[in-house]
Amino acid sequence: MSQARRENGFTLVEVLVALAVLGGIAATALVLLVSGRDRDARATAQLRAGLAAEAILERVGLDLPLAPRSVSGRLGDGSAWSLSIAPYREDGLPDVAGQPSLFSVIVRVMSRRGPPVQLATLRAAGLPPSRPDQARMPVSPSLRC
């Protein structure tokens, strides 16, 4: 008779083992879900920092003068940014009067969630103004509408 009762259900130990296994699976799934969301948030923050750095870099020479300086500030989301403009000198090349000077422009954006983003470029200063007729590119006759 004890054999028949045993086949009708599970023992307490079997139920506890099953609950422990399910708990482990649920905890692992929760960790993966949270880490995936955190990774997405960091990637989004890094993308926004990169776009902000590009926008600041585009402002150089427009509303941010192309002259040696260091400027910093905060973006709307609280991220810090810094801009450094310094004369660029290449070793072994003499300075020639009348030629445009080069400036090293470095923008760094430190977002709150992601790694910092840094963009660097060279900008020429002292270029003669271009004539409007030289600014246009010739259009091939086959491309005209």
C-alpha atoms as a PDB file:
ATOM      1  CA  MET A   1       0.000   0.000   0.000  1.00  0.00           C
ATOM      2  CA  SER A   2       2.896   2.367   0.612  1.00  0.00           C
ATOM      3  CA  GLN A   3       3.973   1.769  -3.005  1.00  0.00           C
ATOM      4  CA  ALA A   4       0.639   3.066  -4.351  1.00  0.00           C
ATOM      5  CA  ARG A   5       0.770   6.235  -2.271  1.00  0.00           C
ATOM      6  CA  ARG A   6       4.294   6.990  -3.373  1.00  0.00           C
ATOM      7  CA  GLU A   7       3.360   6.866  -7.083  1.00  0.00           C
ATOM      8  CA  ASN A   8       0.500   9.369  -6.702  1.00  0.00           C
ATOM      9  CA  GLY A   9       2.614  12.492  -6.040  1.00  0.00           C
ATOM     10  CA  PHE A  10       5.987  14.096  -5.488  1.00  0.00           C
ATOM     11  CA  THR A  11       7.995  14.129  -2.317  1.00  0.00           C
ATOM     12  CA  LEU A  12       8.848  17.374  -0.560  1.00  0.00           C
ATOM     13  CA  VAL A  13      12.505  17.022  -1.587  1.00  0.00           C
ATOM     14  CA  GLU A  14      11.571  16.686  -5.266  1.00  0.00           C
ATOM     15  CA  VAL A  15       9.378  19.795  -5.094  1.00  0.00           C
ATOM     16  CA  LEU A  16      12.146  21.802  -3.384  1.00  0.00           C
ATOM     17  CA  VAL A  17      14.729  20.710  -5.976  1.00  0.00           C
ATOM     18  CA  ALA A  18      12.377  21.693  -8.816  1.00  0.00           C
ATOM     19  CA  LEU A  19      11.768  25.112  -7.210  1.00  0.00           C
ATOM     20  CA  ALA A  20      15.517  25.642  -6.759  1.00  0.00           C
ATOM     21  CA  VAL A  21      16.156  24.832 -10.430  1.00  0.00           C
ATOM     22  CA  LEU A  22      13.345  27.171 -11.558  1.00  0.00           C
ATOM     23  CA  GLY A  23      14.688  29.910  -9.254  1.00  0.00           C
ATOM     24  CA  GLY A  24      18.159  29.546 -10.752  1.00  0.00           C
ATOM     25  CA  ILE A  25      16.770  29.781 -14.285  1.00  0.00           C
ATOM     26  CA  ALA A  26      14.684  32.849 -13.375  1.00  0.00           C
ATOM     27  CA  ALA A  27      17.676  34.572 -11.720  1.00  0.00           C
ATOM     28  CA  THR A  28      19.865  33.936 -14.778  1.00  0.00           C
ATOM     29  CA  ALA A  29      17.184  35.266 -17.117  1.00  0.00           C
ATOM     30  CA  LEU A  30      16.782  38.383 -14.956  1.00  0.00           C
ATOM     31  CA  VAL A  31      20.545  39.039 -14.951  1.00  0.00           C
ATOM     32  CA  LEU A  32      20.680  38.692 -18.735  1.00  0.00           C
ATOM     33  CA  LEU A  33      17.717  41.019 -19.179  1.00  0.00           C
ATOM     34  CA  VAL A  34      19.134  43.714 -16.889  1.00  0.00           C
ATOM     35  CA  SER A  35      22.635  43.525 -18.386  1.00  0.00           C
ATOM     36  CA  GLY A  36      21.173  43.733 -21.894  1.00  0.00           C
ATOM     37  CA  ARG A  37      19.223  46.873 -20.995  1.00  0.00           C
ATOM     38  CA  ASP A  38      22.325  48.390 -19.387  1.00  0.00           C
ATOM     39  CA  ARG A  39      24.392  47.598 -22.481  1.00  0.00           C
ATOM     40  CA  ASP A  40      21.749  49.230 -24.683  1.00  0.00           C
ATOM     41  CA  ALA A  41      21.708  52.322 -22.468  1.00  0.00           C
ATOM     42  CA  ARG A  42      25.507  52.626 -22.627  1.00  0.00           C
ATOM     43  CA  ALA A  43      25.477  52.214 -26.416  1.00  0.00           C
ATOM     44  CA  THR A  44      22.783  54.886 -26.741  1.00  0.00           C
ATOM     45  CA  ALA A  45      24.757  57.232 -24.476  1.00  0.00           C
ATOM     46  CA  GLN A  46      27.906  56.664 -26.539  1.00  0.00           C
ATOM     47  CA  LEU A  47      26.005  57.342 -29.775  1.00  0.00           C
ATOM     48  CA  ARG A  48      24.559  60.576 -28.373  1.00  0.00           C
ATOM     49  CA  ALA A  49      28.007  61.630 -27.146  1.00  0.00           C
ATOM     50  CA  GLY A  50      29.434  60.987 -30.616  1.00  0.00           C
ATOM     51  CA  LEU A  51      26.708  63.044 -32.269  1.00  0.00           C
ATOM     52  CA  ALA A  52      27.241  65.869 -29.783  1.00  0.00           C
ATOM     53  CA  ALA A  53      31.004  65.795 -30.412  1.00  0.00           C
ATOM     54  CA  GLU A  54      30.392  66.008 -34.177  1.00  0.00           C
ATOM     55  CA  ALA A  55      28.032  68.952 -33.670  1.00  0.00           C
ATOM     56  CA  ILE A  56      30.559  70.809 -31.515  1.00  0.00           C
ATOM     57  CA  LEU A  57      33.288  70.098 -34.071  1.00  0.00           C
ATOM     58  CA  GLU A  58      31.087  71.538 -36.824  1.00  0.00           C
ATOM     59  CA  ARG A  59      30.663  74.757 -34.808  1.00  0.00           C
ATOM     60  CA  VAL A  60      34.420  75.435 -34.863  1.00  0.00           C
ATOM     61  CA  GLY A  61      35.009  78.269 -37.291  1.00  0.00           C
ATOM     62  CA  LEU A  62      31.343  79.300 -37.210  1.00  0.00           C
ATOM     63  CA  ASP A  63      30.308  80.481 -33.746  1.00  0.00           C
ATOM     64  CA  LEU A  64      33.408  79.059 -32.018  1.00  0.00           C
ATOM     65  CA  PRO A  65      36.427  80.970 -33.372  1.00  0.00           C
ATOM     66  CA  LEU A  66      39.298  78.990 -34.860  1.00  0.00           C
ATOM     67  CA  ALA A  67      41.952  80.290 -32.475  1.00  0.00           C
ATOM     68  CA  PRO A  68      44.029  78.649 -29.762  1.00  0.00           C
ATOM     69  CA  ARG A  69      41.756  78.099 -26.775  1.00  0.00           C
ATOM     70  CA  SER A  70      40.174  75.596 -24.418  1.00  0.00           C
ATOM     71  CA  VAL A  71      36.439  75.674 -23.786  1.00  0.00           C
ATOM     72  CA  SER A  72      34.172  73.357 -21.813  1.00  0.00           C
ATOM     73  CA  GLY A  73      30.538  73.087 -20.915  1.00  0.00           C
ATOM     74  CA  ARG A  74      27.577  70.822 -20.258  1.00  0.00           C
ATOM     75  CA  LEU A  75      25.011  69.418 -22.656  1.00  0.00           C
ATOM     76  CA  GLY A  76      21.289  69.313 -21.995  1.00  0.00           C
ATOM     77  CA  ASP A  77      21.495  65.763 -20.630  1.00  0.00           C
ATOM     78  CA  GLY A  78      24.246  66.718 -18.154  1.00  0.00           C
ATOM     79  CA  SER A  79      27.143  65.293 -20.163  1.00  0.00           C
ATOM     80  CA  ALA A  80      30.354  67.323 -19.978  1.00  0.00           C
ATOM     81  CA  TRP A  81      32.236  68.407 -23.092  1.00  0.00           C
ATOM     82  CA  SER A  82      35.559  70.069 -23.743  1.00  0.00           C
ATOM     83  CA  LEU A  83      37.099  71.649 -26.830  1.00  0.00           C
ATOM     84  CA  SER A  84      40.806  72.245 -27.289  1.00  0.00           C
ATOM     85  CA  ILE A  85      42.240  74.202 -30.223  1.00  0.00           C
ATOM     86  CA  ALA A  86      46.025  74.453 -30.538  1.00  0.00           C
ATOM     87  CA  PRO A  87      48.426  75.296 -33.357  1.00  0.00           C
ATOM     88  CA  TYR A  88      49.578  72.189 -35.205  1.00  0.00           C
ATOM     89  CA  ARG A  89      53.262  71.848 -35.885  1.00  0.00           C
ATOM     90  CA  GLU A  90      54.835  68.925 -37.659  1.00  0.00           C
ATOM     91  CA  ASP A  91      58.429  68.171 -36.717  1.00  0.00           C
ATOM     92  CA  GLY A  92      60.952  69.018 -39.413  1.00  0.00           C
ATOM     93  CA  LEU A  93      58.697  71.362 -41.406  1.00  0.00           C
ATOM     94  CA  PRO A  94      59.529  75.071 -41.324  1.00  0.00           C
ATOM     95  CA  ASP A  95      56.841  77.716 -40.874  1.00  0.00           C
ATOM     96  CA  VAL A  96      56.352  79.537 -44.169  1.00  0.00           C
ATOM     97  CA  ALA A  97      54.908  83.032 -44.116  1.00  0.00           C
ATOM     98  CA  GLY A  98      51.775  83.519 -46.155  1.00  0.00           C
ATOM     99  CA  GLN A  99      50.675  79.883 -46.003  1.00  0.00           C
ATOM    100  CA  PRO A 100      47.574  78.859 -44.076  1.00  0.00           C
ATOM    101  CA  SER A 101      48.238  77.717 -40.537  1.00  0.00           C
ATOM    102  CA  LEU A 102      46.885  74.438 -39.224  1.00  0.00           C
ATOM    103  CA  PHE A 103      45.115  73.993 -35.928  1.00  0.00           C
ATOM    104  CA  SER A 104      44.595  70.756 -34.047  1.00  0.00           C
ATOM    105  CA  VAL A 105      40.983  70.608 -32.861  1.00  0.00           C
ATOM    106  CA  ILE A 106      40.035  68.030 -30.216  1.00  0.00           C
ATOM    107  CA  VAL A 107      36.511  67.569 -28.867  1.00  0.00           C
ATOM    108  CA  ARG A 108      35.821  65.269 -25.933  1.00  0.00           C
ATOM    109  CA  VAL A 109      32.347  64.414 -24.616  1.00  0.00           C
ATOM    110  CA  MET A 110      32.016  62.539 -21.328  1.00  0.00           C
ATOM    111  CA  SER A 111      28.544  61.042 -21.034  1.00  0.00           C
ATOM    112  CA  ARG A 112      27.168  59.917 -17.705  1.00  0.00           C
ATOM    113  CA  ARG A 113      26.573  56.307 -18.727  1.00  0.00           C
ATOM    114  CA  GLY A 114      28.955  55.433 -21.528  1.00  0.00           C
ATOM    115  CA  PRO A 115      32.653  55.751 -22.226  1.00  0.00           C
ATOM    116  CA  PRO A 116      34.002  59.166 -23.270  1.00  0.00           C
ATOM    117  CA  VAL A 117      34.051  60.032 -26.969  1.00  0.00           C
ATOM    118  CA  GLN A 118      36.929  61.985 -28.475  1.00  0.00           C
ATOM    119  CA  LEU A 119      37.137  63.393 -31.997  1.00  0.00           C
ATOM    120  CA  ALA A 120      40.222  65.093 -33.403  1.00  0.00           C
ATOM    121  CA  THR A 121      40.861  66.860 -36.695  1.00  0.00           C
ATOM    122  CA  LEU A 122      43.028  69.498 -38.329  1.00  0.00           C
ATOM    123  CA  ARG A 123      41.554  72.778 -39.541  1.00  0.00           C
ATOM    124  CA  ALA A 124      43.226  75.321 -41.803  1.00  0.00           C
ATOM    125  CA  ALA A 125      43.073  79.001 -40.913  1.00  0.00           C
ATOM    126  CA  GLY A 126      44.056  81.917 -43.088  1.00  0.00           C
ATOM    127  CA  LEU A 127      42.800  80.489 -46.373  1.00  0.00           C
ATOM    128  CA  PRO A 128      41.928  83.079 -48.988  1.00  0.00           C
ATOM    129  CA  PRO A 129      38.174  83.420 -49.509  1.00  0.00           C
ATOM    130  CA  SER A 130      36.936  81.310 -52.380  1.00  0.00           C
ATOM    131  CA  ARG A 131      35.181  82.865 -55.335  1.00  0.00           C
ATOM    132  CA  PRO A 132      31.545  81.773 -55.777  1.00  0.00           C
ATOM    133  CA  ASP A 133      32.159  80.591 -59.355  1.00  0.00           C
ATOM    134  CA  GLN A 134      34.952  78.266 -58.138  1.00  0.00           C
ATOM    135  CA  ALA A 135      32.794  76.801 -55.400  1.00  0.00           C
ATOM    136  CA  ARG A 136      30.450  75.104 -57.855  1.00  0.00           C
ATOM    137  CA  MET A 137      31.331  71.729 -59.214  1.00  0.00           C
ATOM    138  CA  PRO A 138      30.821  71.191 -62.923  1.00  0.00           C
ATOM    139  CA  VAL A 139      27.837  69.028 -63.747  1.00  0.00           C
ATOM    140  CA  SER A 140      28.100  66.440 -66.459  1.00  0.00           C
ATOM    141  CA  PRO A 141      25.630  67.023 -69.341  1.00  0.00           C
ATOM    142  CA  SER A 142      24.308  63.503 -68.867  1.00  0.00           C
ATOM    143  CA  LEU A 143      23.330  64.301 -65.255  1.00  0.00           C
ATOM    144  CA  ARG A 144      21.313  67.433 -65.994  1.00  0.00           C
ATOM    145  CA  CYS A 145      17.568  67.144 -65.763  1.00  0.00           C
END
